[in-house]
């Protein structure tokens, strides 16, 4: 039996406990109500999302998030699974992130060194954790969730970053795991 991407995403969402934004739409298979009509992302937006994703999961001894086309994945998820409020939060948050980064660093996010980009995103995440009331940089959680989901459900993430065992295979209830080994792909 073949599993399509939608079924795989549903499985991942069930495992994550449905905590990601858009989880309801994925798990029910229904298009959310009140979506923004005509929501579109141009190639520059996708390139920006690629850079954001690659800052979250950079290239190491395995390809980074940009290699899996994470920007296109994020666009698909936002357009297909987010409701209108979440779509607005995402778009406004990503636009604000780009403007604020440029104001703070004097250069665009895409052209900045990886260390500066990572420091900025880590600062956003710390601000999100501290501000229990405002939750203003909520987009940082959306970006993180979408990057992790898109990367580890991609062929590259599942076969190169994780320890991939092709299914069907035999059942081993106890598999030795040593510190530093790759986690197994689902």
N, C-alpha and C. Protein backbone atom coordinates (compact mmCIF):
# COMPACT_ATOMS: atom_id res chain seq x y z
N UNK A 1 0.84 -1.19 0.00
CA UNK A 1 0.00 0.00 0.00
C UNK A 1 0.88 1.24 0.00
N UNK A 2 0.61 2.17 -0.86
CA UNK A 2 1.39 3.40 -0.94
C UNK A 2 0.77 4.47 -0.05
N UNK A 3 1.62 5.25 0.57
CA UNK A 3 1.13 6.33 1.41
C UNK A 3 1.43 7.64 0.69
N UNK A 4 0.40 8.43 0.47
CA UNK A 4 0.66 9.72 -0.18
C UNK A 4 1.09 10.74 0.87
N UNK A 5 1.52 11.91 0.42
CA UNK A 5 2.05 12.93 1.32
C UNK A 5 1.02 13.36 2.37
N UNK A 6 -0.27 13.44 1.96
CA UNK A 6 -1.30 13.86 2.91
C UNK A 6 -1.41 12.86 4.06
N UNK A 7 -1.40 11.55 3.74
CA UNK A 7 -1.46 10.53 4.78
C UNK A 7 -0.23 10.59 5.68
N UNK A 8 0.93 10.83 5.08
CA UNK A 8 2.16 10.93 5.87
C UNK A 8 2.08 12.12 6.83
N UNK A 9 1.59 13.27 6.34
CA UNK A 9 1.46 14.44 7.20
C UNK A 9 0.47 14.20 8.33
N UNK A 10 -0.63 13.50 8.03
CA UNK A 10 -1.59 13.18 9.08
C UNK A 10 -0.92 12.34 10.16
N UNK A 11 -0.13 11.38 9.75
CA UNK A 11 0.56 10.52 10.71
C UNK A 11 1.51 11.31 11.57
N UNK A 12 2.27 12.21 10.94
CA UNK A 12 3.20 13.04 11.70
C UNK A 12 2.45 13.91 12.69
N UNK A 13 1.32 14.48 12.27
CA UNK A 13 0.55 15.34 13.15
C UNK A 13 -0.01 14.57 14.34
N UNK A 14 -0.45 13.34 14.11
CA UNK A 14 -0.95 12.52 15.22
C UNK A 14 0.18 12.27 16.20
N UNK A 15 1.38 11.98 15.68
CA UNK A 15 2.52 11.73 16.56
C UNK A 15 2.89 12.98 17.35
N UNK A 16 2.77 14.16 16.72
CA UNK A 16 3.11 15.41 17.39
C UNK A 16 1.99 15.86 18.33
N UNK A 17 0.91 15.15 18.34
CA UNK A 17 -0.20 15.53 19.21
C UNK A 17 -1.02 16.67 18.64
N UNK A 18 -0.87 16.95 17.36
CA UNK A 18 -1.68 18.00 16.73
C UNK A 18 -1.36 19.38 17.24
N UNK A 19 -0.10 19.62 17.67
CA UNK A 19 0.24 20.90 18.26
C UNK A 19 0.56 21.98 17.26
N UNK A 20 0.79 21.63 16.02
CA UNK A 20 1.18 22.60 15.03
C UNK A 20 -0.02 23.40 14.52
N UNK A 21 0.23 24.64 14.14
CA UNK A 21 -0.82 25.46 13.54
C UNK A 21 -1.24 24.77 12.24
N UNK A 22 -2.52 24.68 12.00
CA UNK A 22 -3.02 24.01 10.81
C UNK A 22 -3.26 22.53 11.02
N UNK A 23 -3.01 22.04 12.23
CA UNK A 23 -3.14 20.60 12.50
C UNK A 23 -4.56 20.11 12.30
N UNK A 24 -5.53 20.91 12.66
CA UNK A 24 -6.92 20.49 12.51
C UNK A 24 -7.25 20.22 11.05
N UNK A 25 -6.80 21.08 10.17
CA UNK A 25 -7.08 20.89 8.75
C UNK A 25 -6.40 19.64 8.22
N UNK A 26 -5.18 19.40 8.67
CA UNK A 26 -4.45 18.22 8.20
C UNK A 26 -5.14 16.95 8.69
N UNK A 27 -5.50 16.92 9.95
CA UNK A 27 -6.06 15.71 10.53
C UNK A 27 -7.47 15.42 10.01
N UNK A 28 -8.25 16.44 9.74
CA UNK A 28 -9.61 16.20 9.26
C UNK A 28 -9.67 16.09 7.75
N UNK A 29 -8.68 16.64 7.07
CA UNK A 29 -8.68 16.60 5.61
C UNK A 29 -9.56 17.67 5.00
N UNK A 30 -10.10 18.56 5.82
CA UNK A 30 -10.99 19.62 5.33
C UNK A 30 -10.22 20.91 5.16
N UNK A 31 -10.63 21.70 4.21
CA UNK A 31 -10.05 23.02 4.03
C UNK A 31 -10.61 23.93 5.12
N UNK A 32 -9.74 24.65 5.80
CA UNK A 32 -10.22 25.54 6.86
C UNK A 32 -11.13 26.63 6.29
N UNK A 33 -12.02 27.10 7.12
CA UNK A 33 -12.90 28.20 6.72
C UNK A 33 -12.15 29.51 6.82
N UNK A 34 -12.70 30.51 6.18
CA UNK A 34 -12.20 31.89 6.27
C UNK A 34 -10.75 32.04 5.83
N UNK A 35 -10.34 31.31 4.82
CA UNK A 35 -8.98 31.51 4.32
C UNK A 35 -8.91 32.80 3.52
N UNK A 36 -7.71 33.37 3.42
CA UNK A 36 -7.51 34.58 2.64
C UNK A 36 -7.56 34.21 1.16
N UNK A 37 -8.47 34.83 0.44
CA UNK A 37 -8.59 34.54 -0.99
C UNK A 37 -7.49 35.27 -1.75
N UNK A 38 -6.92 34.59 -2.72
CA UNK A 38 -5.88 35.19 -3.55
C UNK A 38 -4.53 35.31 -2.87
N UNK A 39 -4.34 34.60 -1.75
CA UNK A 39 -3.04 34.63 -1.07
C UNK A 39 -2.00 34.02 -2.01
N UNK A 40 -0.96 34.80 -2.29
CA UNK A 40 0.05 34.32 -3.21
C UNK A 40 1.42 34.75 -2.71
N UNK A 41 2.41 33.94 -3.03
CA UNK A 41 3.79 34.22 -2.65
C UNK A 41 4.61 34.25 -3.94
N UNK A 42 5.43 35.29 -4.10
CA UNK A 42 6.26 35.37 -5.30
C UNK A 42 7.58 34.63 -5.07
N UNK A 43 8.38 34.46 -6.11
CA UNK A 43 9.66 33.74 -5.95
C UNK A 43 10.59 34.33 -4.90
N UNK A 44 10.55 35.66 -4.72
CA UNK A 44 11.38 36.29 -3.68
C UNK A 44 10.91 35.86 -2.29
N UNK A 45 9.60 35.74 -2.10
CA UNK A 45 9.06 35.28 -0.82
C UNK A 45 9.51 33.85 -0.53
N UNK A 46 9.45 33.01 -1.56
CA UNK A 46 9.85 31.61 -1.39
C UNK A 46 11.35 31.51 -1.09
N UNK A 47 12.16 32.34 -1.76
CA UNK A 47 13.60 32.36 -1.50
C UNK A 47 13.87 32.81 -0.06
N UNK A 48 13.10 33.79 0.42
CA UNK A 48 13.24 34.25 1.81
C UNK A 48 12.89 33.13 2.78
N UNK A 49 11.79 32.41 2.51
CA UNK A 49 11.40 31.30 3.36
C UNK A 49 12.44 30.17 3.32
N UNK A 50 13.04 29.96 2.14
CA UNK A 50 14.14 28.98 2.04
C UNK A 50 15.28 29.35 2.98
N UNK A 51 15.65 30.63 3.00
CA UNK A 51 16.74 31.09 3.86
C UNK A 51 16.37 30.97 5.34
N UNK A 52 15.12 31.30 5.67
CA UNK A 52 14.67 31.13 7.06
C UNK A 52 14.78 29.67 7.47
N UNK A 53 14.27 28.78 6.62
CA UNK A 53 14.33 27.35 6.91
C UNK A 53 15.75 26.84 7.00
N UNK A 54 16.63 27.34 6.13
CA UNK A 54 18.01 26.90 6.13
C UNK A 54 18.76 27.43 7.35
N UNK A 55 18.29 28.51 7.93
CA UNK A 55 18.88 29.01 9.18
C UNK A 55 18.47 28.10 10.34
N UNK A 56 17.25 27.59 10.28
CA UNK A 56 16.76 26.69 11.33
C UNK A 56 17.40 25.31 11.22
N UNK A 57 17.46 24.77 10.00
CA UNK A 57 18.13 23.48 9.76
C UNK A 57 19.17 23.72 8.67
N UNK A 58 20.40 24.10 9.09
CA UNK A 58 21.44 24.41 8.10
C UNK A 58 22.08 23.15 7.53
N UNK A 59 22.82 23.34 6.45
CA UNK A 59 23.57 22.24 5.86
C UNK A 59 24.74 21.90 6.78
N UNK A 60 24.86 20.65 7.11
CA UNK A 60 26.01 20.15 7.89
C UNK A 60 26.59 19.00 7.07
N UNK A 61 26.70 17.83 7.68
CA UNK A 61 27.11 16.68 6.90
C UNK A 61 25.93 16.09 6.13
N UNK A 62 24.76 16.67 6.34
CA UNK A 62 23.56 16.34 5.55
C UNK A 62 23.03 17.64 4.95
N UNK A 63 22.27 17.56 3.86
CA UNK A 63 21.73 18.78 3.25
C UNK A 63 20.82 19.54 4.23
N UNK A 64 20.77 20.85 4.06
CA UNK A 64 19.92 21.68 4.90
C UNK A 64 18.50 21.78 4.36
N UNK A 65 17.70 22.60 5.04
CA UNK A 65 16.29 22.74 4.69
C UNK A 65 16.09 23.33 3.29
N UNK A 66 17.01 24.18 2.86
CA UNK A 66 16.88 24.77 1.53
C UNK A 66 16.94 23.69 0.45
N UNK A 67 17.71 22.64 0.68
CA UNK A 67 17.87 21.56 -0.30
C UNK A 67 16.58 20.80 -0.56
N UNK A 68 15.65 20.83 0.42
CA UNK A 68 14.38 20.12 0.23
C UNK A 68 13.29 21.04 -0.31
N UNK A 69 13.64 22.29 -0.58
CA UNK A 69 12.65 23.24 -1.08
C UNK A 69 11.67 23.64 0.01
N UNK A 70 12.19 23.96 1.18
CA UNK A 70 11.34 24.22 2.34
C UNK A 70 10.44 25.43 2.15
N UNK A 71 10.89 26.41 1.37
CA UNK A 71 10.06 27.59 1.12
C UNK A 71 8.77 27.22 0.40
N UNK A 72 8.86 26.39 -0.61
CA UNK A 72 7.67 25.94 -1.34
C UNK A 72 6.76 25.10 -0.45
N UNK A 73 7.37 24.28 0.41
CA UNK A 73 6.58 23.48 1.35
C UNK A 73 5.80 24.39 2.30
N UNK A 74 6.47 25.41 2.84
CA UNK A 74 5.80 26.34 3.76
C UNK A 74 4.63 27.03 3.07
N UNK A 75 4.85 27.48 1.85
CA UNK A 75 3.79 28.15 1.10
C UNK A 75 2.60 27.22 0.93
N UNK A 76 2.86 25.98 0.54
CA UNK A 76 1.77 25.00 0.36
C UNK A 76 1.01 24.80 1.66
N UNK A 77 1.71 24.65 2.76
CA UNK A 77 1.05 24.42 4.05
C UNK A 77 0.23 25.63 4.48
N UNK A 78 0.79 26.82 4.33
CA UNK A 78 0.08 28.04 4.74
C UNK A 78 -1.17 28.22 3.89
N UNK A 79 -1.05 28.02 2.59
CA UNK A 79 -2.19 28.22 1.69
C UNK A 79 -3.26 27.14 1.86
N UNK A 80 -2.85 25.90 2.11
CA UNK A 80 -3.79 24.79 2.12
C UNK A 80 -4.34 24.41 3.49
N UNK A 81 -3.60 24.68 4.56
CA UNK A 81 -4.03 24.16 5.86
C UNK A 81 -4.28 25.22 6.92
N UNK A 82 -3.82 26.44 6.72
CA UNK A 82 -4.02 27.48 7.73
C UNK A 82 -5.35 28.19 7.51
N UNK A 83 -6.00 28.56 8.61
CA UNK A 83 -7.20 29.39 8.47
C UNK A 83 -6.76 30.84 8.24
N UNK A 84 -7.71 31.70 7.96
CA UNK A 84 -7.40 33.09 7.62
C UNK A 84 -6.60 33.82 8.67
N UNK A 85 -6.94 33.63 9.95
CA UNK A 85 -6.20 34.31 11.02
C UNK A 85 -4.75 33.84 11.07
N UNK A 86 -4.55 32.53 10.94
CA UNK A 86 -3.19 31.99 10.97
C UNK A 86 -2.41 32.41 9.73
N UNK A 87 -3.07 32.47 8.59
CA UNK A 87 -2.41 32.93 7.37
C UNK A 87 -1.95 34.37 7.55
N UNK A 88 -2.82 35.22 8.09
CA UNK A 88 -2.47 36.62 8.31
C UNK A 88 -1.32 36.74 9.30
N UNK A 89 -1.37 35.96 10.38
CA UNK A 89 -0.29 35.97 11.37
C UNK A 89 1.03 35.59 10.71
N UNK A 90 1.00 34.56 9.87
CA UNK A 90 2.22 34.10 9.21
C UNK A 90 2.77 35.16 8.27
N UNK A 91 1.93 35.65 7.37
CA UNK A 91 2.38 36.63 6.37
C UNK A 91 2.86 37.90 7.04
N UNK A 92 2.08 38.42 7.99
CA UNK A 92 2.49 39.64 8.70
C UNK A 92 3.78 39.42 9.48
N UNK A 93 3.89 38.25 10.12
CA UNK A 93 5.08 37.94 10.92
C UNK A 93 6.33 37.82 10.07
N UNK A 94 6.22 37.16 8.92
CA UNK A 94 7.38 37.00 8.03
C UNK A 94 7.78 38.35 7.46
N UNK A 95 6.81 39.17 7.07
CA UNK A 95 7.12 40.51 6.55
C UNK A 95 7.79 41.37 7.62
N UNK A 96 7.26 41.31 8.85
CA UNK A 96 7.84 42.07 9.96
C UNK A 96 9.25 41.58 10.28
N UNK A 97 9.44 40.28 10.24
CA UNK A 97 10.75 39.71 10.51
C UNK A 97 11.78 40.27 9.52
N UNK A 98 11.43 40.29 8.25
CA UNK A 98 12.34 40.82 7.23
C UNK A 98 12.66 42.29 7.44
N UNK A 99 11.63 43.09 7.73
CA UNK A 99 11.84 44.52 7.95
C UNK A 99 12.64 44.79 9.22
N UNK A 100 12.28 44.10 10.31
CA UNK A 100 12.98 44.31 11.58
C UNK A 100 14.44 43.87 11.51
N UNK A 101 14.70 42.77 10.81
CA UNK A 101 16.08 42.31 10.66
C UNK A 101 16.90 43.36 9.91
N UNK A 102 16.33 43.89 8.83
CA UNK A 102 17.04 44.90 8.04
C UNK A 102 17.28 46.16 8.87
N UNK A 103 16.29 46.56 9.67
CA UNK A 103 16.45 47.75 10.51
C UNK A 103 17.52 47.53 11.58
N UNK A 104 17.57 46.34 12.13
CA UNK A 104 18.52 46.05 13.21
C UNK A 104 19.94 45.81 12.70
N UNK A 105 20.06 45.22 11.52
CA UNK A 105 21.38 44.82 11.03
C UNK A 105 21.89 45.59 9.82
N UNK A 106 21.04 46.42 9.23
CA UNK A 106 21.45 47.22 8.09
C UNK A 106 21.61 46.44 6.79
N UNK A 107 21.11 45.22 6.76
CA UNK A 107 21.18 44.40 5.54
C UNK A 107 20.01 43.45 5.53
N UNK A 108 19.73 42.90 4.36
CA UNK A 108 18.59 41.98 4.28
C UNK A 108 18.97 40.63 4.88
N UNK A 109 17.95 39.92 5.31
CA UNK A 109 18.14 38.61 5.93
C UNK A 109 18.82 37.65 4.97
N UNK A 110 18.42 37.68 3.71
CA UNK A 110 18.94 36.73 2.72
C UNK A 110 20.44 36.90 2.52
N UNK A 111 20.95 38.13 2.55
CA UNK A 111 22.37 38.36 2.32
C UNK A 111 23.23 38.33 3.57
N UNK A 112 22.63 38.19 4.72
CA UNK A 112 23.37 38.25 5.99
C UNK A 112 24.09 36.93 6.27
N UNK A 113 25.17 37.00 7.05
CA UNK A 113 25.86 35.77 7.46
C UNK A 113 24.95 34.89 8.32
N UNK A 114 25.18 33.60 8.26
CA UNK A 114 24.35 32.63 8.98
C UNK A 114 24.33 32.89 10.48
N UNK A 115 25.45 33.32 11.04
CA UNK A 115 25.51 33.56 12.50
C UNK A 115 24.57 34.68 12.91
N UNK A 116 24.52 35.76 12.11
CA UNK A 116 23.62 36.88 12.41
C UNK A 116 22.16 36.46 12.29
N UNK A 117 21.86 35.69 11.26
CA UNK A 117 20.48 35.22 11.07
C UNK A 117 20.06 34.34 12.22
N UNK A 118 20.92 33.41 12.62
CA UNK A 118 20.60 32.50 13.71
C UNK A 118 20.43 33.26 15.03
N UNK A 119 21.31 34.21 15.29
CA UNK A 119 21.21 35.00 16.51
C UNK A 119 19.88 35.77 16.54
N UNK A 120 19.48 36.32 15.41
CA UNK A 120 18.22 37.06 15.34
C UNK A 120 17.03 36.15 15.60
N UNK A 121 17.00 34.98 14.95
CA UNK A 121 15.88 34.04 15.16
C UNK A 121 15.86 33.52 16.58
N UNK A 122 17.02 33.26 17.17
CA UNK A 122 17.07 32.82 18.57
C UNK A 122 16.54 33.91 19.50
N UNK A 123 16.87 35.17 19.18
CA UNK A 123 16.34 36.29 19.96
C UNK A 123 14.83 36.37 19.86
N UNK A 124 14.29 36.15 18.66
CA UNK A 124 12.83 36.13 18.48
C UNK A 124 12.20 35.02 19.32
N UNK A 125 12.82 33.86 19.32
CA UNK A 125 12.28 32.73 20.07
C UNK A 125 12.31 33.01 21.57
N UNK A 126 13.38 33.60 22.04
CA UNK A 126 13.47 33.94 23.47
C UNK A 126 12.41 34.97 23.83
N UNK A 127 12.18 35.96 22.96
CA UNK A 127 11.14 36.97 23.20
C UNK A 127 9.76 36.30 23.23
N UNK A 128 9.57 35.31 22.38
CA UNK A 128 8.29 34.59 22.36
C UNK A 128 8.08 33.84 23.67
N UNK A 129 9.12 33.18 24.17
CA UNK A 129 8.99 32.42 25.42
C UNK A 129 8.72 33.33 26.61
N UNK A 130 9.34 34.49 26.63
CA UNK A 130 9.22 35.42 27.76
C UNK A 130 7.85 36.10 27.77
N UNK A 131 7.38 36.51 26.61
CA UNK A 131 6.15 37.29 26.53
C UNK A 131 4.93 36.38 26.49
N UNK A 132 4.51 35.91 27.63
CA UNK A 132 3.36 34.99 27.72
C UNK A 132 2.06 35.66 27.27
N UNK A 133 1.93 36.97 27.52
CA UNK A 133 0.70 37.67 27.16
C UNK A 133 0.67 38.02 25.68
N UNK A 134 1.69 38.70 25.22
CA UNK A 134 1.67 39.25 23.86
C UNK A 134 1.84 38.17 22.80
N UNK A 135 2.76 37.27 23.01
CA UNK A 135 3.07 36.24 22.01
C UNK A 135 3.26 36.87 20.65
N UNK A 136 3.87 38.06 20.64
CA UNK A 136 3.99 38.81 19.39
C UNK A 136 4.80 38.10 18.30
N UNK A 137 5.96 37.54 18.60
CA UNK A 137 6.65 36.89 17.48
C UNK A 137 6.19 35.43 17.30
N UNK A 138 4.89 35.21 17.26
CA UNK A 138 4.33 33.86 17.11
C UNK A 138 4.81 33.19 15.83
N UNK A 139 5.18 33.98 14.85
CA UNK A 139 5.62 33.42 13.56
C UNK A 139 6.86 32.54 13.74
N UNK A 140 7.66 32.78 14.77
CA UNK A 140 8.86 31.97 14.95
C UNK A 140 8.50 30.51 15.20
N UNK A 141 7.42 30.25 15.95
CA UNK A 141 6.98 28.87 16.15
C UNK A 141 6.44 28.27 14.87
N UNK A 142 5.71 29.06 14.10
CA UNK A 142 5.19 28.58 12.82
C UNK A 142 6.34 28.19 11.90
N UNK A 143 7.35 29.05 11.81
CA UNK A 143 8.51 28.78 10.96
C UNK A 143 9.24 27.52 11.42
N UNK A 144 9.44 27.41 12.71
CA UNK A 144 10.14 26.24 13.26
C UNK A 144 9.35 24.96 12.98
N UNK A 145 8.05 24.97 13.27
CA UNK A 145 7.22 23.79 13.06
C UNK A 145 7.18 23.38 11.59
N UNK A 146 6.98 24.35 10.71
CA UNK A 146 6.91 24.05 9.28
C UNK A 146 8.25 23.54 8.75
N UNK A 147 9.34 24.11 9.23
CA UNK A 147 10.66 23.67 8.78
C UNK A 147 10.94 22.24 9.21
N UNK A 148 10.68 21.94 10.47
CA UNK A 148 10.93 20.59 10.97
C UNK A 148 10.02 19.58 10.27
N UNK A 149 8.75 19.90 10.15
CA UNK A 149 7.81 19.00 9.48
C UNK A 149 8.21 18.77 8.03
N UNK A 150 8.46 19.85 7.30
CA UNK A 150 8.81 19.73 5.89
C UNK A 150 10.12 19.00 5.66
N UNK A 151 11.09 19.27 6.51
CA UNK A 151 12.40 18.65 6.33
C UNK A 151 12.36 17.15 6.60
N UNK A 152 11.80 16.78 7.73
CA UNK A 152 11.85 15.37 8.12
C UNK A 152 10.81 14.49 7.44
N UNK A 153 9.87 15.09 6.72
CA UNK A 153 8.96 14.29 5.90
C UNK A 153 9.38 14.28 4.44
N UNK A 154 10.48 14.96 4.13
CA UNK A 154 11.01 14.94 2.76
C UNK A 154 11.90 13.72 2.58
N UNK A 155 12.18 13.38 1.35
CA UNK A 155 13.04 12.24 1.07
C UNK A 155 14.44 12.46 1.65
N UNK A 156 14.97 13.66 1.47
CA UNK A 156 16.31 13.96 1.98
C UNK A 156 16.34 13.86 3.50
N UNK A 157 15.38 14.47 4.17
CA UNK A 157 15.35 14.44 5.63
C UNK A 157 15.18 13.03 6.18
N UNK A 158 14.30 12.25 5.56
CA UNK A 158 14.02 10.91 6.06
C UNK A 158 15.13 9.92 5.75
N UNK A 159 15.84 10.11 4.65
CA UNK A 159 16.83 9.11 4.26
C UNK A 159 18.26 9.52 4.58
N UNK A 160 18.54 10.83 4.66
CA UNK A 160 19.91 11.26 4.92
C UNK A 160 20.12 11.79 6.33
N UNK A 161 19.14 12.50 6.88
CA UNK A 161 19.29 13.04 8.23
C UNK A 161 18.86 12.04 9.29
N UNK A 162 17.92 11.18 8.94
CA UNK A 162 17.45 10.15 9.87
C UNK A 162 17.97 8.79 9.42
N UNK A 163 17.91 7.82 10.30
CA UNK A 163 18.30 6.46 9.97
C UNK A 163 17.11 5.79 9.31
N UNK A 164 17.17 5.63 8.01
CA UNK A 164 16.03 5.14 7.24
C UNK A 164 16.12 3.64 7.04
N UNK A 165 15.05 2.95 7.41
CA UNK A 165 14.93 1.52 7.16
C UNK A 165 13.70 1.35 6.30
N UNK A 166 13.90 0.83 5.08
CA UNK A 166 12.79 0.71 4.15
C UNK A 166 11.74 -0.25 4.68
N UNK A 167 10.49 0.10 4.49
CA UNK A 167 9.37 -0.73 4.93
C UNK A 167 8.83 -1.43 3.71
N UNK A 168 8.40 -2.65 3.72
CA UNK A 168 8.28 -3.48 4.90
C UNK A 168 9.62 -4.08 5.30
N UNK A 169 9.73 -4.32 6.54
CA UNK A 169 10.92 -4.91 7.12
C UNK A 169 10.51 -5.75 8.30
N UNK A 170 11.45 -6.33 8.93
CA UNK A 170 11.12 -7.16 10.09
C UNK A 170 10.91 -6.28 11.31
N UNK A 171 10.21 -6.77 12.27
CA UNK A 171 9.93 -6.04 13.51
C UNK A 171 11.00 -6.36 14.53
N UNK A 172 11.68 -5.32 14.98
CA UNK A 172 12.66 -5.45 16.05
C UNK A 172 12.20 -4.58 17.20
N UNK A 173 11.69 -5.19 18.28
CA UNK A 173 11.19 -4.37 19.38
C UNK A 173 12.28 -3.64 20.15
N UNK A 174 13.47 -4.18 20.15
CA UNK A 174 14.57 -3.55 20.88
C UNK A 174 15.74 -3.34 19.92
N UNK A 175 15.94 -2.10 19.53
CA UNK A 175 17.03 -1.76 18.62
C UNK A 175 18.07 -1.00 19.42
N UNK A 176 19.31 -1.44 19.36
CA UNK A 176 20.33 -0.72 20.12
C UNK A 176 20.49 0.71 19.60
N UNK A 177 20.58 1.64 20.51
CA UNK A 177 20.77 3.05 20.15
C UNK A 177 21.92 3.58 20.99
N UNK A 178 22.91 4.11 20.33
CA UNK A 178 24.07 4.67 21.00
C UNK A 178 24.06 6.18 20.85
N UNK A 179 24.58 6.86 21.84
CA UNK A 179 24.68 8.32 21.82
C UNK A 179 25.34 8.76 20.50
N UNK A 180 24.69 9.68 19.79
CA UNK A 180 25.23 10.18 18.53
C UNK A 180 24.69 9.47 17.30
N UNK A 181 23.99 8.34 17.48
CA UNK A 181 23.38 7.66 16.33
C UNK A 181 22.22 8.51 15.81
N UNK A 182 21.91 8.34 14.52
CA UNK A 182 20.77 9.03 13.94
C UNK A 182 19.49 8.41 14.51
N UNK A 183 18.45 9.23 14.70
CA UNK A 183 17.14 8.72 15.08
C UNK A 183 16.56 8.00 13.88
N UNK A 184 15.63 7.07 14.12
CA UNK A 184 15.03 6.32 13.03
C UNK A 184 13.90 7.11 12.39
N UNK A 185 13.82 7.07 11.07
CA UNK A 185 12.74 7.71 10.34
C UNK A 185 11.47 6.90 10.53
N UNK A 186 10.35 7.59 10.53
CA UNK A 186 9.07 6.92 10.72
C UNK A 186 8.49 6.58 9.39
